[in-house]
Amino acid sequence: MLRLKSATDLERVRRDGRSHAHPLVVLIARRRDPPELAAASGQPASLRPRFGFVAGKALGGAVQRNRAKRLLREAARACEPQVAPGWDLLLIARAPLAGSRLAEVLAAVRQLLRRARLEQE
């Protein structure tokens, strides 16, 4: 799974992407520009979707934030094969997510991907 780690990439997705909300998580999706795709070495892996994960301090302490990000990473890993290529996705945890189970988070992420029309056929 490719990750969005730099602050500029995360800010670009936040600023230019379209958001879709669920009670557990918010999805912000932005299609990568052709120059970005070309600059990413031109290999097939560069077309794979990139994921970023955010858990703010409103979620609680470090333990709750880290658990929320782990759940989001695992859900994204399971959904990655169905996501259309060339997208940058940012998953933002909401407060109830810290107490949720993986199955609930996975269902929420899949629902958001369907709503954003990001699933491949």
PDB file of N, CA and C in Angstrom:
ATOM      1  N   MET A   1       0.850  -1.174   0.000  1.00  0.00           N
ATOM      2  CA  MET A   1       0.000   0.000   0.000  1.00  0.00           C
ATOM      3  C   MET A   1       0.895   1.236   0.000  1.00  0.00           C
ATOM      4  N   LEU A   2       0.612   2.149  -0.916  1.00  0.00           N
ATOM      5  CA  LEU A   2       1.365   3.395  -0.985  1.00  0.00           C
ATOM      6  C   LEU A   2       0.754   4.399  -0.016  1.00  0.00           C
ATOM      7  N   ARG A   3       1.604   5.168   0.669  1.00  0.00           N
ATOM      8  CA  ARG A   3       1.141   6.087   1.707  1.00  0.00           C
ATOM      9  C   ARG A   3       1.397   7.533   1.328  1.00  0.00           C
ATOM     10  N   LEU A   4       0.520   8.395   1.768  1.00  0.00           N
ATOM     11  CA  LEU A   4       0.725   9.839   1.706  1.00  0.00           C
ATOM     12  C   LEU A   4       1.332  10.237   3.033  1.00  0.00           C
ATOM     13  N   LYS A   5       2.549  10.734   3.010  1.00  0.00           N
ATOM     14  CA  LYS A   5       3.204  11.063   4.276  1.00  0.00           C
ATOM     15  C   LYS A   5       3.586  12.534   4.380  1.00  0.00           C
ATOM     16  N   SER A   6       3.912  13.176   3.260  1.00  0.00           N
ATOM     17  CA  SER A   6       4.382  14.553   3.349  1.00  0.00           C
ATOM     18  C   SER A   6       3.212  15.498   3.633  1.00  0.00           C
ATOM     19  N   ALA A   7       3.498  16.539   4.369  1.00  0.00           N
ATOM     20  CA  ALA A   7       2.480  17.521   4.725  1.00  0.00           C
ATOM     21  C   ALA A   7       1.910  18.200   3.484  1.00  0.00           C
ATOM     22  N   THR A   8       2.745  18.403   2.467  1.00  0.00           N
ATOM     23  CA  THR A   8       2.250  19.064   1.249  1.00  0.00           C
ATOM     24  C   THR A   8       1.256  18.169   0.507  1.00  0.00           C
ATOM     25  N   ASP A   9       1.518  16.864   0.457  1.00  0.00           N
ATOM     26  CA  ASP A   9       0.574  15.943  -0.190  1.00  0.00           C
ATOM     27  C   ASP A   9      -0.747  15.896   0.580  1.00  0.00           C
ATOM     28  N   LEU A  10      -0.662  15.800   1.907  1.00  0.00           N
ATOM     29  CA  LEU A  10      -1.881  15.758   2.719  1.00  0.00           C
ATOM     30  C   LEU A  10      -2.676  17.048   2.560  1.00  0.00           C
ATOM     31  N   GLU A  11      -1.999  18.187   2.561  1.00  0.00           N
ATOM     32  CA  GLU A  11      -2.670  19.478   2.422  1.00  0.00           C
ATOM     33  C   GLU A  11      -3.309  19.620   1.041  1.00  0.00           C
ATOM     34  N   ARG A  12      -2.646  19.129   0.004  1.00  0.00           N
ATOM     35  CA  ARG A  12      -3.184  19.191  -1.359  1.00  0.00           C
ATOM     36  C   ARG A  12      -4.483  18.381  -1.453  1.00  0.00           C
ATOM     37  N   VAL A  13      -4.503  17.208  -0.854  1.00  0.00           N
ATOM     38  CA  VAL A  13      -5.719  16.383  -0.881  1.00  0.00           C
ATOM     39  C   VAL A  13      -6.825  17.068  -0.094  1.00  0.00           C
ATOM     40  N   ARG A  14      -6.492  17.609   1.065  1.00  0.00           N
ATOM     41  CA  ARG A  14      -7.480  18.295   1.898  1.00  0.00           C
ATOM     42  C   ARG A  14      -8.070  19.509   1.180  1.00  0.00           C
ATOM     43  N   ARG A  15      -7.213  20.262   0.512  1.00  0.00           N
ATOM     44  CA  ARG A  15      -7.620  21.507  -0.143  1.00  0.00           C
ATOM     45  C   ARG A  15      -8.427  21.246  -1.423  1.00  0.00           C
ATOM     46  N   ASP A  16      -7.963  20.310  -2.266  1.00  0.00           N
ATOM     47  CA  ASP A  16      -8.542  20.126  -3.596  1.00  0.00           C
ATOM     48  C   ASP A  16      -9.473  18.925  -3.714  1.00  0.00           C
ATOM     49  N   GLY A  17      -9.524  18.076  -2.692  1.00  0.00           N
ATOM     50  CA  GLY A  17     -10.303  16.849  -2.803  1.00  0.00           C
ATOM     51  C   GLY A  17     -11.771  17.039  -2.473  1.00  0.00           C
ATOM     52  N   ARG A  18     -12.534  16.022  -2.814  1.00  0.00           N
ATOM     53  CA  ARG A  18     -13.962  15.987  -2.483  1.00  0.00           C
ATOM     54  C   ARG A  18     -14.141  15.100  -1.256  1.00  0.00           C
ATOM     55  N   SER A  19     -14.946  15.574  -0.306  1.00  0.00           N
ATOM     56  CA  SER A  19     -15.095  14.821   0.937  1.00  0.00           C
ATOM     57  C   SER A  19     -16.435  14.098   0.982  1.00  0.00           C
ATOM     58  N   HIS A  20     -16.407  12.967   1.681  1.00  0.00           N
ATOM     59  CA  HIS A  20     -17.580  12.135   1.901  1.00  0.00           C
ATOM     60  C   HIS A  20     -17.517  11.705   3.363  1.00  0.00           C
ATOM     61  N   ALA A  21     -18.613  11.903   4.091  1.00  0.00           N
ATOM     62  CA  ALA A  21     -18.598  11.676   5.535  1.00  0.00           C
ATOM     63  C   ALA A  21     -19.401  10.442   5.930  1.00  0.00           C
ATOM     64  N   HIS A  22     -18.963   9.838   7.007  1.00  0.00           N
ATOM     65  CA  HIS A  22     -19.617   8.709   7.659  1.00  0.00           C
ATOM     66  C   HIS A  22     -19.462   8.984   9.156  1.00  0.00           C
ATOM     67  N   PRO A  23     -20.332   8.460  10.012  1.00  0.00           N
ATOM     68  CA  PRO A  23     -20.168   8.723  11.443  1.00  0.00           C
ATOM     69  C   PRO A  23     -18.818   8.291  12.024  1.00  0.00           C
ATOM     70  N   LEU A  24     -18.144   7.313  11.404  1.00  0.00           N
ATOM     71  CA  LEU A  24     -16.863   6.844  11.930  1.00  0.00           C
ATOM     72  C   LEU A  24     -15.653   7.489  11.263  1.00  0.00           C
ATOM     73  N   VAL A  25     -15.785   7.852   9.990  1.00  0.00           N
ATOM     74  CA  VAL A  25     -14.615   8.299   9.237  1.00  0.00           C
ATOM     75  C   VAL A  25     -15.041   9.260   8.122  1.00  0.00           C
ATOM     76  N   VAL A  26     -14.136  10.153   7.755  1.00  0.00           N
ATOM     77  CA  VAL A  26     -14.342  11.055   6.624  1.00  0.00           C
ATOM     78  C   VAL A  26     -13.333  10.667   5.549  1.00  0.00           C
ATOM     79  N   LEU A  27     -13.800  10.562   4.308  1.00  0.00           N
ATOM     80  CA  LEU A  27     -12.941  10.261   3.169  1.00  0.00           C
ATOM     81  C   LEU A  27     -12.823  11.515   2.316  1.00  0.00           C
ATOM     82  N   ILE A  28     -11.591  11.909   2.015  1.00  0.00           N
ATOM     83  CA  ILE A  28     -11.343  12.994   1.075  1.00  0.00           C
ATOM     84  C   ILE A  28     -10.541  12.386  -0.066  1.00  0.00           C
ATOM     85  N   ALA A  29     -11.063  12.520  -1.289  1.00  0.00           N
ATOM     86  CA  ALA A  29     -10.444  11.895  -2.458  1.00  0.00           C
ATOM     87  C   ALA A  29     -10.078  12.966  -3.481  1.00  0.00           C
ATOM     88  N   ARG A  30      -8.902  12.801  -4.070  1.00  0.00           N
ATOM     89  CA  ARG A  30      -8.417  13.723  -5.098  1.00  0.00           C
ATOM     90  C   ARG A  30      -7.693  12.913  -6.163  1.00  0.00           C
ATOM     91  N   ARG A  31      -8.071  13.131  -7.429  1.00  0.00           N
ATOM     92  CA  ARG A  31      -7.376  12.466  -8.525  1.00  0.00           C
ATOM     93  C   ARG A  31      -6.026  13.124  -8.712  1.00  0.00           C
ATOM     94  N   ARG A  32      -4.987  12.290  -8.878  1.00  0.00           N
ATOM     95  CA  ARG A  32      -3.649  12.826  -9.115  1.00  0.00           C
ATOM     96  C   ARG A  32      -3.562  13.440 -10.491  1.00  0.00           C
ATOM     97  N   ASP A  33      -2.845  14.542 -10.603  1.00  0.00           N
ATOM     98  CA  ASP A  33      -2.662  15.216 -11.886  1.00  0.00           C
ATOM     99  C   ASP A  33      -1.714  14.411 -12.759  1.00  0.00           C
ATOM    100  N   PRO A  34      -1.840  14.504 -14.094  1.00  0.00           N
ATOM    101  CA  PRO A  34      -0.926  13.788 -14.984  1.00  0.00           C
ATOM    102  C   PRO A  34       0.550  14.105 -14.740  1.00  0.00           C
ATOM    103  N   PRO A  35       0.957  15.374 -14.455  1.00  0.00           N
ATOM    104  CA  PRO A  35       2.382  15.597 -14.172  1.00  0.00           C
ATOM    105  C   PRO A  35       2.861  14.830 -12.940  1.00  0.00           C
ATOM    106  N   GLU A  36       1.996  14.711 -11.937  1.00  0.00           N
ATOM    107  CA  GLU A  36       2.369  13.955 -10.741  1.00  0.00           C
ATOM    108  C   GLU A  36       2.557  12.479 -11.086  1.00  0.00           C
ATOM    109  N   LEU A  37       1.691  11.965 -11.956  1.00  0.00           N
ATOM    110  CA  LEU A  37       1.802  10.559 -12.345  1.00  0.00           C
ATOM    111  C   LEU A  37       3.087  10.333 -13.133  1.00  0.00           C
ATOM    112  N   ALA A  38       3.414  11.247 -14.028  1.00  0.00           N
ATOM    113  CA  ALA A  38       4.627  11.107 -14.831  1.00  0.00           C
ATOM    114  C   ALA A  38       5.870  11.246 -13.962  1.00  0.00           C
ATOM    115  N   ALA A  39       5.815  12.124 -12.979  1.00  0.00           N
ATOM    116  CA  ALA A  39       6.970  12.352 -12.117  1.00  0.00           C
ATOM    117  C   ALA A  39       7.206  11.187 -11.151  1.00  0.00           C
ATOM    118  N   ALA A  40       6.221  10.361 -10.988  1.00  0.00           N
ATOM    119  CA  ALA A  40       6.337   9.255 -10.031  1.00  0.00           C
ATOM    120  C   ALA A  40       7.032   8.058 -10.665  1.00  0.00           C
ATOM    121  N   SER A  41       7.996   8.299 -11.526  1.00  0.00           N
ATOM    122  CA  SER A  41       8.879   7.313 -12.139  1.00  0.00           C
ATOM    123  C   SER A  41       8.230   6.508 -13.264  1.00  0.00           C
ATOM    124  N   GLY A  42       6.945   6.729 -13.542  1.00  0.00           N
ATOM    125  CA  GLY A  42       6.308   6.093 -14.687  1.00  0.00           C
ATOM    126  C   GLY A  42       6.104   4.596 -14.570  1.00  0.00           C
ATOM    127  N   GLN A  43       6.314   4.027 -13.408  1.00  0.00           N
ATOM    128  CA  GLN A  43       6.120   2.587 -13.249  1.00  0.00           C
ATOM    129  C   GLN A  43       4.667   2.308 -12.881  1.00  0.00           C
ATOM    130  N   PRO A  44       4.191   1.096 -13.152  1.00  0.00           N
ATOM    131  CA  PRO A  44       2.798   0.780 -12.838  1.00  0.00           C
ATOM    132  C   PRO A  44       2.430   1.023 -11.375  1.00  0.00           C
ATOM    133  N   ALA A  45       3.378   0.868 -10.462  1.00  0.00           N
ATOM    134  CA  ALA A  45       3.075   1.086  -9.046  1.00  0.00           C
ATOM    135  C   ALA A  45       2.680   2.529  -8.779  1.00  0.00           C
ATOM    136  N   SER A  46       3.131   3.460  -9.635  1.00  0.00           N
ATOM    137  CA  SER A  46       2.810   4.862  -9.412  1.00  0.00           C
ATOM    138  C   SER A  46       1.328   5.144  -9.639  1.00  0.00           C
ATOM    139  N   LEU A  47       0.633   4.271 -10.339  1.00  0.00           N
ATOM    140  CA  LEU A  47      -0.791   4.456 -10.563  1.00  0.00           C
ATOM    141  C   LEU A  47      -1.629   3.938  -9.402  1.00  0.00           C
ATOM    142  N   ARG A  48      -1.021   3.158  -8.549  1.00  0.00           N
ATOM    143  CA  ARG A  48      -1.764   2.632  -7.408  1.00  0.00           C
ATOM    144  C   ARG A  48      -2.266   3.775  -6.541  1.00  0.00           C
ATOM    145  N   PRO A  49      -3.409   3.602  -5.904  1.00  0.00           N
ATOM    146  CA  PRO A  49      -3.912   4.662  -5.029  1.00  0.00           C
ATOM    147  C   PRO A  49      -2.976   4.864  -3.833  1.00  0.00           C
ATOM    148  N   ARG A  50      -2.897   6.114  -3.371  1.00  0.00           N
ATOM    149  CA  ARG A  50      -2.104   6.428  -2.185  1.00  0.00           C
ATOM    150  C   ARG A  50      -3.061   6.813  -1.063  1.00  0.00           C
ATOM    151  N   PHE A  51      -2.755   6.369   0.154  1.00  0.00           N
ATOM    152  CA  PHE A  51      -3.620   6.595   1.305  1.00  0.00           C
ATOM    153  C   PHE A  51      -2.897   7.415   2.364  1.00  0.00           C
ATOM    154  N   GLY A  52      -3.630   8.328   2.990  1.00  0.00           N
ATOM    155  CA  GLY A  52      -3.145   9.076   4.141  1.00  0.00           C
ATOM    156  C   GLY A  52      -4.125   8.874   5.285  1.00  0.00           C
ATOM    157  N   PHE A  53      -3.624   8.922   6.511  1.00  0.00           N
ATOM    158  CA  PHE A  53      -4.459   8.653   7.681  1.00  0.00           C
ATOM    159  C   PHE A  53      -4.246   9.747   8.711  1.00  0.00           C
ATOM    160  N   VAL A  54      -5.359  10.286   9.246  1.00  0.00           N
ATOM    161  CA  VAL A  54      -5.287  11.377  10.209  1.00  0.00           C
ATOM    162  C   VAL A  54      -6.188  11.041  11.388  1.00  0.00           C
ATOM    163  N   ALA A  55      -5.665  11.236  12.578  1.00  0.00           N
ATOM    164  CA  ALA A  55      -6.449  11.088  13.803  1.00  0.00           C
ATOM    165  C   ALA A  55      -6.084  12.262  14.698  1.00  0.00           C
ATOM    166  N   GLY A  56      -7.000  13.202  14.847  1.00  0.00           N
ATOM    167  CA  GLY A  56      -6.740  14.415  15.618  1.00  0.00           C
ATOM    168  C   GLY A  56      -6.799  14.180  17.119  1.00  0.00           C
ATOM    169  N   LYS A  57      -6.389  15.189  17.855  1.00  0.00           N
ATOM    170  CA  LYS A  57      -6.358  15.075  19.313  1.00  0.00           C
ATOM    171  C   LYS A  57      -7.742  14.990  19.936  1.00  0.00           C
ATOM    172  N   ALA A  58      -8.768  15.362  19.191  1.00  0.00           N
ATOM    173  CA  ALA A  58     -10.138  15.248  19.703  1.00  0.00           C
ATOM    174  C   ALA A  58     -10.519  13.786  19.931  1.00  0.00           C
ATOM    175  N   LEU A  59      -9.790  12.860  19.320  1.00  0.00           N
ATOM    176  CA  LEU A  59     -10.053  11.432  19.486  1.00  0.00           C
ATOM    177  C   LEU A  59      -9.682  10.941  20.879  1.00  0.00           C
ATOM    178  N   GLY A  60      -8.726  11.604  21.500  1.00  0.00           N
ATOM    179  CA  GLY A  60      -8.262  11.187  22.814  1.00  0.00           C
ATOM    180  C   GLY A  60      -6.754  11.171  22.861  1.00  0.00           C
ATOM    181  N   GLY A  61      -6.232  10.357  23.736  1.00  0.00           N
ATOM    182  CA  GLY A  61      -4.787  10.266  23.911  1.00  0.00           C
ATOM    183  C   GLY A  61      -4.110   9.518  22.773  1.00  0.00           C
ATOM    184  N   ALA A  62      -2.808   9.361  22.907  1.00  0.00           N
ATOM    185  CA  ALA A  62      -2.014   8.723  21.856  1.00  0.00           C
ATOM    186  C   ALA A  62      -2.467   7.287  21.596  1.00  0.00           C
ATOM    187  N   VAL A  63      -2.877   6.581  22.626  1.00  0.00           N
ATOM    188  CA  VAL A  63      -3.302   5.190  22.456  1.00  0.00           C
ATOM    189  C   VAL A  63      -4.537   5.119  21.556  1.00  0.00           C
ATOM    190  N   GLN A  64      -5.522   5.982  21.818  1.00  0.00           N
ATOM    191  CA  GLN A  64      -6.735   5.984  21.006  1.00  0.00           C
ATOM    192  C   GLN A  64      -6.447   6.433  19.570  1.00  0.00           C
ATOM    193  N   ARG A  65      -5.608   7.442  19.412  1.00  0.00           N
ATOM    194  CA  ARG A  65      -5.281   7.919  18.069  1.00  0.00           C
ATOM    195  C   ARG A  65      -4.538   6.853  17.277  1.00  0.00           C
ATOM    196  N   ASN A  66      -3.582   6.192  17.893  1.00  0.00           N
ATOM    197  CA  ASN A  66      -2.825   5.146  17.202  1.00  0.00           C
ATOM    198  C   ASN A  66      -3.722   3.957  16.846  1.00  0.00           C
ATOM    199  N   ARG A  67      -4.635   3.593  17.730  1.00  0.00           N
ATOM    200  CA  ARG A  67      -5.555   2.496  17.442  1.00  0.00           C
ATOM    201  C   ARG A  67      -6.449   2.865  16.264  1.00  0.00           C
ATOM    202  N   ALA A  68      -6.923   4.101  16.243  1.00  0.00           N
ATOM    203  CA  ALA A  68      -7.776   4.554  15.133  1.00  0.00           C
ATOM    204  C   ALA A  68      -7.014   4.483  13.813  1.00  0.00           C
ATOM    205  N   LYS A  69      -5.767   4.922  13.804  1.00  0.00           N
ATOM    206  CA  LYS A  69      -4.982   4.879  12.572  1.00  0.00           C
ATOM    207  C   LYS A  69      -4.680   3.439  12.150  1.00  0.00           C
ATOM    208  N   ARG A  70      -4.439   2.551  13.111  1.00  0.00           N
ATOM    209  CA  ARG A  70      -4.212   1.142  12.776  1.00  0.00           C
ATOM    210  C   ARG A  70      -5.456   0.541  12.121  1.00  0.00           C
ATOM    211  N   LEU A  71      -6.633   0.846  12.688  1.00  0.00           N
ATOM    212  CA  LEU A  71      -7.876   0.338  12.110  1.00  0.00           C
ATOM    213  C   LEU A  71      -8.080   0.875  10.688  1.00  0.00           C
ATOM    214  N   LEU A  72      -7.812   2.151  10.490  1.00  0.00           N
ATOM    215  CA  LEU A  72      -7.973   2.741   9.158  1.00  0.00           C
ATOM    216  C   LEU A  72      -6.985   2.135   8.160  1.00  0.00           C
ATOM    217  N   ARG A  73      -5.738   1.921   8.595  1.00  0.00           N
ATOM    218  CA  ARG A  73      -4.736   1.320   7.702  1.00  0.00           C
ATOM    219  C   ARG A  73      -5.147  -0.082   7.284  1.00  0.00           C
ATOM    220  N   GLU A  74      -5.640  -0.858   8.223  1.00  0.00           N
ATOM    221  CA  GLU A  74      -6.034  -2.232   7.913  1.00  0.00           C
ATOM    222  C   GLU A  74      -7.249  -2.248   6.982  1.00  0.00           C
ATOM    223  N   ALA A  75      -8.209  -1.360   7.199  1.00  0.00           N
ATOM    224  CA  ALA A  75      -9.371  -1.282   6.321  1.00  0.00           C
ATOM    225  C   ALA A  75      -8.948  -0.852   4.918  1.00  0.00           C
ATOM    226  N   ALA A  76      -8.040   0.109   4.831  1.00  0.00           N
ATOM    227  CA  ALA A  76      -7.556   0.574   3.524  1.00  0.00           C
ATOM    228  C   ALA A  76      -6.793  -0.527   2.813  1.00  0.00           C
ATOM    229  N   ARG A  77      -6.010  -1.285   3.543  1.00  0.00           N
ATOM    230  CA  ARG A  77      -5.250  -2.390   2.951  1.00  0.00           C
ATOM    231  C   ARG A  77      -6.201  -3.425   2.341  1.00  0.00           C
ATOM    232  N   ALA A  78      -7.314  -3.694   3.032  1.00  0.00           N
ATOM    233  CA  ALA A  78      -8.276  -4.671   2.528  1.00  0.00           C
ATOM    234  C   ALA A  78      -9.036  -4.151   1.304  1.00  0.00           C
ATOM    235  N   CYS A  79      -9.252  -2.838   1.231  1.00  0.00           N
ATOM    236  CA  CYS A  79     -10.030  -2.249   0.134  1.00  0.00           C
ATOM    237  C   CYS A  79      -9.168  -1.832  -1.051  1.00  0.00           C
ATOM    238  N   GLU A  80      -7.861  -1.762  -0.881  1.00  0.00           N
ATOM    239  CA  GLU A  80      -6.986  -1.236  -1.926  1.00  0.00           C
ATOM    240  C   GLU A  80      -7.173  -1.893  -3.291  1.00  0.00           C
ATOM    241  N   PRO A  81      -7.313  -3.221  -3.399  1.00  0.00           N
ATOM    242  CA  PRO A  81      -7.453  -3.822  -4.726  1.00  0.00           C
ATOM    243  C   PRO A  81      -8.696  -3.344  -5.495  1.00  0.00           C
ATOM    244  N   GLN A  82      -9.723  -2.897  -4.797  1.00  0.00           N
ATOM    245  CA  GLN A  82     -10.945  -2.444  -5.455  1.00  0.00           C
ATOM    246  C   GLN A  82     -10.925  -0.964  -5.816  1.00  0.00           C
ATOM    247  N   VAL A  83      -9.932  -0.204  -5.345  1.00  0.00           N
ATOM    248  CA  VAL A  83      -9.896   1.240  -5.589  1.00  0.00           C
ATOM    249  C   VAL A  83      -9.311   1.521  -6.972  1.00  0.00           C
ATOM    250  N   ALA A  84      -9.956   2.426  -7.684  1.00  0.00           N
ATOM    251  CA  ALA A  84      -9.497   2.807  -9.021  1.00  0.00           C
ATOM    252  C   ALA A  84      -8.102   3.425  -8.940  1.00  0.00           C
ATOM    253  N   PRO A  85      -7.256   3.214  -9.950  1.00  0.00           N
ATOM    254  CA  PRO A  85      -5.897   3.752  -9.909  1.00  0.00           C
ATOM    255  C   PRO A  85      -5.863   5.266 -10.095  1.00  0.00           C
ATOM    256  N   GLY A  86      -4.789   5.877  -9.598  1.00  0.00           N
ATOM    257  CA  GLY A  86      -4.556   7.301  -9.812  1.00  0.00           C
ATOM    258  C   GLY A  86      -5.218   8.225  -8.817  1.00  0.00           C
ATOM    259  N   TRP A  87      -5.626   7.730  -7.663  1.00  0.00           N
ATOM    260  CA  TRP A  87      -6.301   8.557  -6.663  1.00  0.00           C
ATOM    261  C   TRP A  87      -5.452   8.694  -5.407  1.00  0.00           C
ATOM    262  N   ASP A  88      -5.538   9.853  -4.768  1.00  0.00           N
ATOM    263  CA  ASP A  88      -4.996  10.086  -3.437  1.00  0.00           C
ATOM    264  C   ASP A  88      -6.179  10.152  -2.485  1.00  0.00           C
ATOM    265  N   LEU A  89      -6.142   9.341  -1.429  1.00  0.00           N
ATOM    266  CA  LEU A  89      -7.255   9.249  -0.489  1.00  0.00           C
ATOM    267  C   LEU A  89      -6.770   9.576   0.916  1.00  0.00           C
ATOM    268  N   LEU A  90      -7.531  10.402   1.605  1.00  0.00           N
ATOM    269  CA  LEU A  90      -7.227  10.764   2.979  1.00  0.00           C
ATOM    270  C   LEU A  90      -8.373  10.278   3.847  1.00  0.00           C
ATOM    271  N   LEU A  91      -8.074   9.458   4.845  1.00  0.00           N
ATOM    272  CA  LEU A  91      -9.080   8.951   5.771  1.00  0.00           C
ATOM    273  C   LEU A  91      -8.869   9.636   7.116  1.00  0.00           C
ATOM    274  N   ILE A  92      -9.898  10.346   7.582  1.00  0.00           N
ATOM    275  CA  ILE A  92      -9.819  11.096   8.830  1.00  0.00           C
ATOM    276  C   ILE A  92     -10.731  10.427   9.844  1.00  0.00           C
ATOM    277  N   ALA A  93     -10.151  10.010  10.965  1.00  0.00           N
ATOM    278  CA  ALA A  93     -10.908   9.311  12.004  1.00  0.00           C
ATOM    279  C   ALA A  93     -11.803  10.291  12.760  1.00  0.00           C
ATOM    280  N   ARG A  94     -13.000   9.839  13.087  1.00  0.00           N
ATOM    281  CA  ARG A  94     -13.899  10.590  13.950  1.00  0.00           C
ATOM    282  C   ARG A  94     -13.925   9.924  15.314  1.00  0.00           C
ATOM    283  N   ALA A  95     -14.420  10.625  16.315  1.00  0.00           N
ATOM    284  CA  ALA A  95     -14.347  10.168  17.705  1.00  0.00           C
ATOM    285  C   ALA A  95     -14.871   8.748  17.941  1.00  0.00           C
ATOM    286  N   PRO A  96     -16.018   8.329  17.398  1.00  0.00           N
ATOM    287  CA  PRO A  96     -16.512   6.972  17.693  1.00  0.00           C
ATOM    288  C   PRO A  96     -15.633   5.851  17.131  1.00  0.00           C
ATOM    289  N   LEU A  97     -14.741   6.166  16.206  1.00  0.00           N
ATOM    290  CA  LEU A  97     -13.937   5.132  15.560  1.00  0.00           C
ATOM    291  C   LEU A  97     -13.014   4.419  16.547  1.00  0.00           C
ATOM    292  N   ALA A  98     -12.509   5.129  17.537  1.00  0.00           N
ATOM    293  CA  ALA A  98     -11.545   4.541  18.473  1.00  0.00           C
ATOM    294  C   ALA A  98     -12.125   3.339  19.214  1.00  0.00           C
ATOM    295  N   GLY A  99     -13.436   3.321  19.425  1.00  0.00           N
ATOM    296  CA  GLY A  99     -14.055   2.202  20.128  1.00  0.00           C
ATOM    297  C   GLY A  99     -14.695   1.175  19.206  1.00  0.00           C
ATOM    298  N   SER A 100     -14.482   1.305  17.908  1.00  0.00           N
ATOM    299  CA  SER A 100     -15.118   0.415  16.932  1.00  0.00           C
ATOM    300  C   SER A 100     -14.276  -0.821  16.662  1.00  0.00           C
ATOM    301  N   ARG A 101     -14.926  -1.808  16.065  1.00  0.00           N
ATOM    302  CA  ARG A 101     -14.248  -3.028  15.643  1.00  0.00           C
ATOM    303  C   ARG A 101     -13.848  -2.893  14.176  1.00  0.00           C
ATOM    304  N   LEU A 102     -12.910  -3.721  13.752  1.00  0.00           N
ATOM    305  CA  LEU A 102     -12.404  -3.664  12.382  1.00  0.00           C
ATOM    306  C   LEU A 102     -13.513  -3.865  11.359  1.00  0.00           C
ATOM    307  N   ALA A 103     -14.447  -4.782  11.621  1.00  0.00           N
ATOM    308  CA  ALA A 103     -15.529  -5.044  10.666  1.00  0.00           C
ATOM    309  C   ALA A 103     -16.376  -3.794  10.431  1.00  0.00           C
ATOM    310  N   GLU A 104     -16.625  -3.030  11.486  1.00  0.00           N
ATOM    311  CA  GLU A 104     -17.408  -1.796  11.348  1.00  0.00           C
ATOM    312  C   GLU A 104     -16.638  -0.753  10.539  1.00  0.00           C
ATOM    313  N   VAL A 105     -15.339  -0.639  10.795  1.00  0.00           N
ATOM    314  CA  VAL A 105     -14.515   0.330  10.078  1.00  0.00           C
ATOM    315  C   VAL A 105     -14.400  -0.065   8.614  1.00  0.00           C
ATOM    316  N   LEU A 106     -14.222  -1.345   8.356  1.00  0.00           N
ATOM    317  CA  LEU A 106     -14.134  -1.839   6.987  1.00  0.00           C
ATOM    318  C   LEU A 106     -15.426  -1.547   6.222  1.00  0.00           C
ATOM    319  N   ALA A 107     -16.572  -1.784   6.851  1.00  0.00           N
ATOM    320  CA  ALA A 107     -17.862  -1.503   6.214  1.00  0.00           C
ATOM    321  C   ALA A 107     -18.006  -0.009   5.933  1.00  0.00           C
ATOM    322  N   ALA A 108     -17.560   0.829   6.854  1.00  0.00           N
ATOM    323  CA  ALA A 108     -17.653   2.280   6.669  1.00  0.00           C
ATOM    324  C   ALA A 108     -16.779   2.739   5.502  1.00  0.00           C
ATOM    325  N   VAL A 109     -15.554   2.229   5.425  1.00  0.00           N
ATOM    326  CA  VAL A 109     -14.645   2.626   4.344  1.00  0.00           C
ATOM    327  C   VAL A 109     -15.184   2.152   3.002  1.00  0.00           C
ATOM    328  N   ARG A 110     -15.694   0.930   2.936  1.00  0.00           N
ATOM    329  CA  ARG A 110     -16.267   0.424   1.683  1.00  0.00           C
ATOM    330  C   ARG A 110     -17.467   1.265   1.253  1.00  0.00           C
ATOM    331  N   GLN A 111     -18.308   1.635   2.215  1.00  0.00           N
ATOM    332  CA  GLN A 111     -19.467   2.467   1.899  1.00  0.00           C
ATOM    333  C   GLN A 111     -19.022   3.821   1.340  1.00  0.00           C
ATOM    334  N   LEU A 112     -18.001   4.421   1.938  1.00  0.00           N
ATOM    335  CA  LEU A 112     -17.499   5.709   1.458  1.00  0.00           C
ATOM    336  C   LEU A 112     -16.888   5.589   0.062  1.00  0.00           C
ATOM    337  N   LEU A 113     -16.176   4.504  -0.201  1.00  0.00           N
ATOM    338  CA  LEU A 113     -15.595   4.304  -1.529  1.00  0.00           C
ATOM    339  C   LEU A 113     -16.685   4.148  -2.592  1.00  0.00           C
ATOM    340  N   ARG A 114     -17.757   3.440  -2.240  1.00  0.00           N
ATOM    341  CA  ARG A 114     -18.883   3.306  -3.176  1.00  0.00           C
ATOM    342  C   ARG A 114     -19.532   4.658  -3.423  1.00  0.00           C
ATOM    343  N   ARG A 115     -19.757   5.425  -2.344  1.00  0.00           N
ATOM    344  CA  ARG A 115     -20.401   6.722  -2.465  1.00  0.00           C
ATOM    345  C   ARG A 115     -19.555   7.690  -3.299  1.00  0.00           C
ATOM    346  N   ALA A 116     -18.230   7.581  -3.179  1.00  0.00           N
ATOM    347  CA  ALA A 116     -17.331   8.445  -3.942  1.00  0.00           C
ATOM    348  C   ALA A 116     -17.090   7.910  -5.352  1.00  0.00           C
ATOM    349  N   ARG A 117     -17.655   6.757  -5.655  1.00  0.00           N
ATOM    350  CA  ARG A 117     -17.504   6.105  -6.966  1.00  0.00           C
ATOM    351  C   ARG A 117     -16.029   5.841  -7.294  1.00  0.00           C
ATOM    352  N   LEU A 118     -15.326   5.289  -6.345  1.00  0.00           N
ATOM    353  CA  LEU A 118     -13.905   5.007  -6.514  1.00  0.00           C
ATOM    354  C   LEU A 118     -13.606   3.522  -6.671  1.00  0.00           C
ATOM    355  N   GLU A 119     -14.635   2.689  -6.659  1.00  0.00           N
ATOM    356  CA  GLU A 119     -14.411   1.253  -6.802  1.00  0.00           C
ATOM    357  C   GLU A 119     -14.308   0.881  -8.262  1.00  0.00           C
ATOM    358  N   GLN A 120     -13.352  -0.008  -8.547  1.00  0.00           N
ATOM    359  CA  GLN A 120     -13.226  -0.531  -9.913  1.00  0.00           C
ATOM    360  C   GLN A 120     -14.297  -1.588 -10.121  1.00  0.00           C
ATOM    361  N   GLU A 121     -14.643  -1.773 -11.356  1.00  0.00           N
ATOM    362  CA  GLU A 121     -15.587  -2.831 -11.669  1.00  0.00           C
ATOM    363  C   GLU A 121     -14.914  -4.140 -11.794  1.00  0.00           C
TER     364      GLU A 121
END
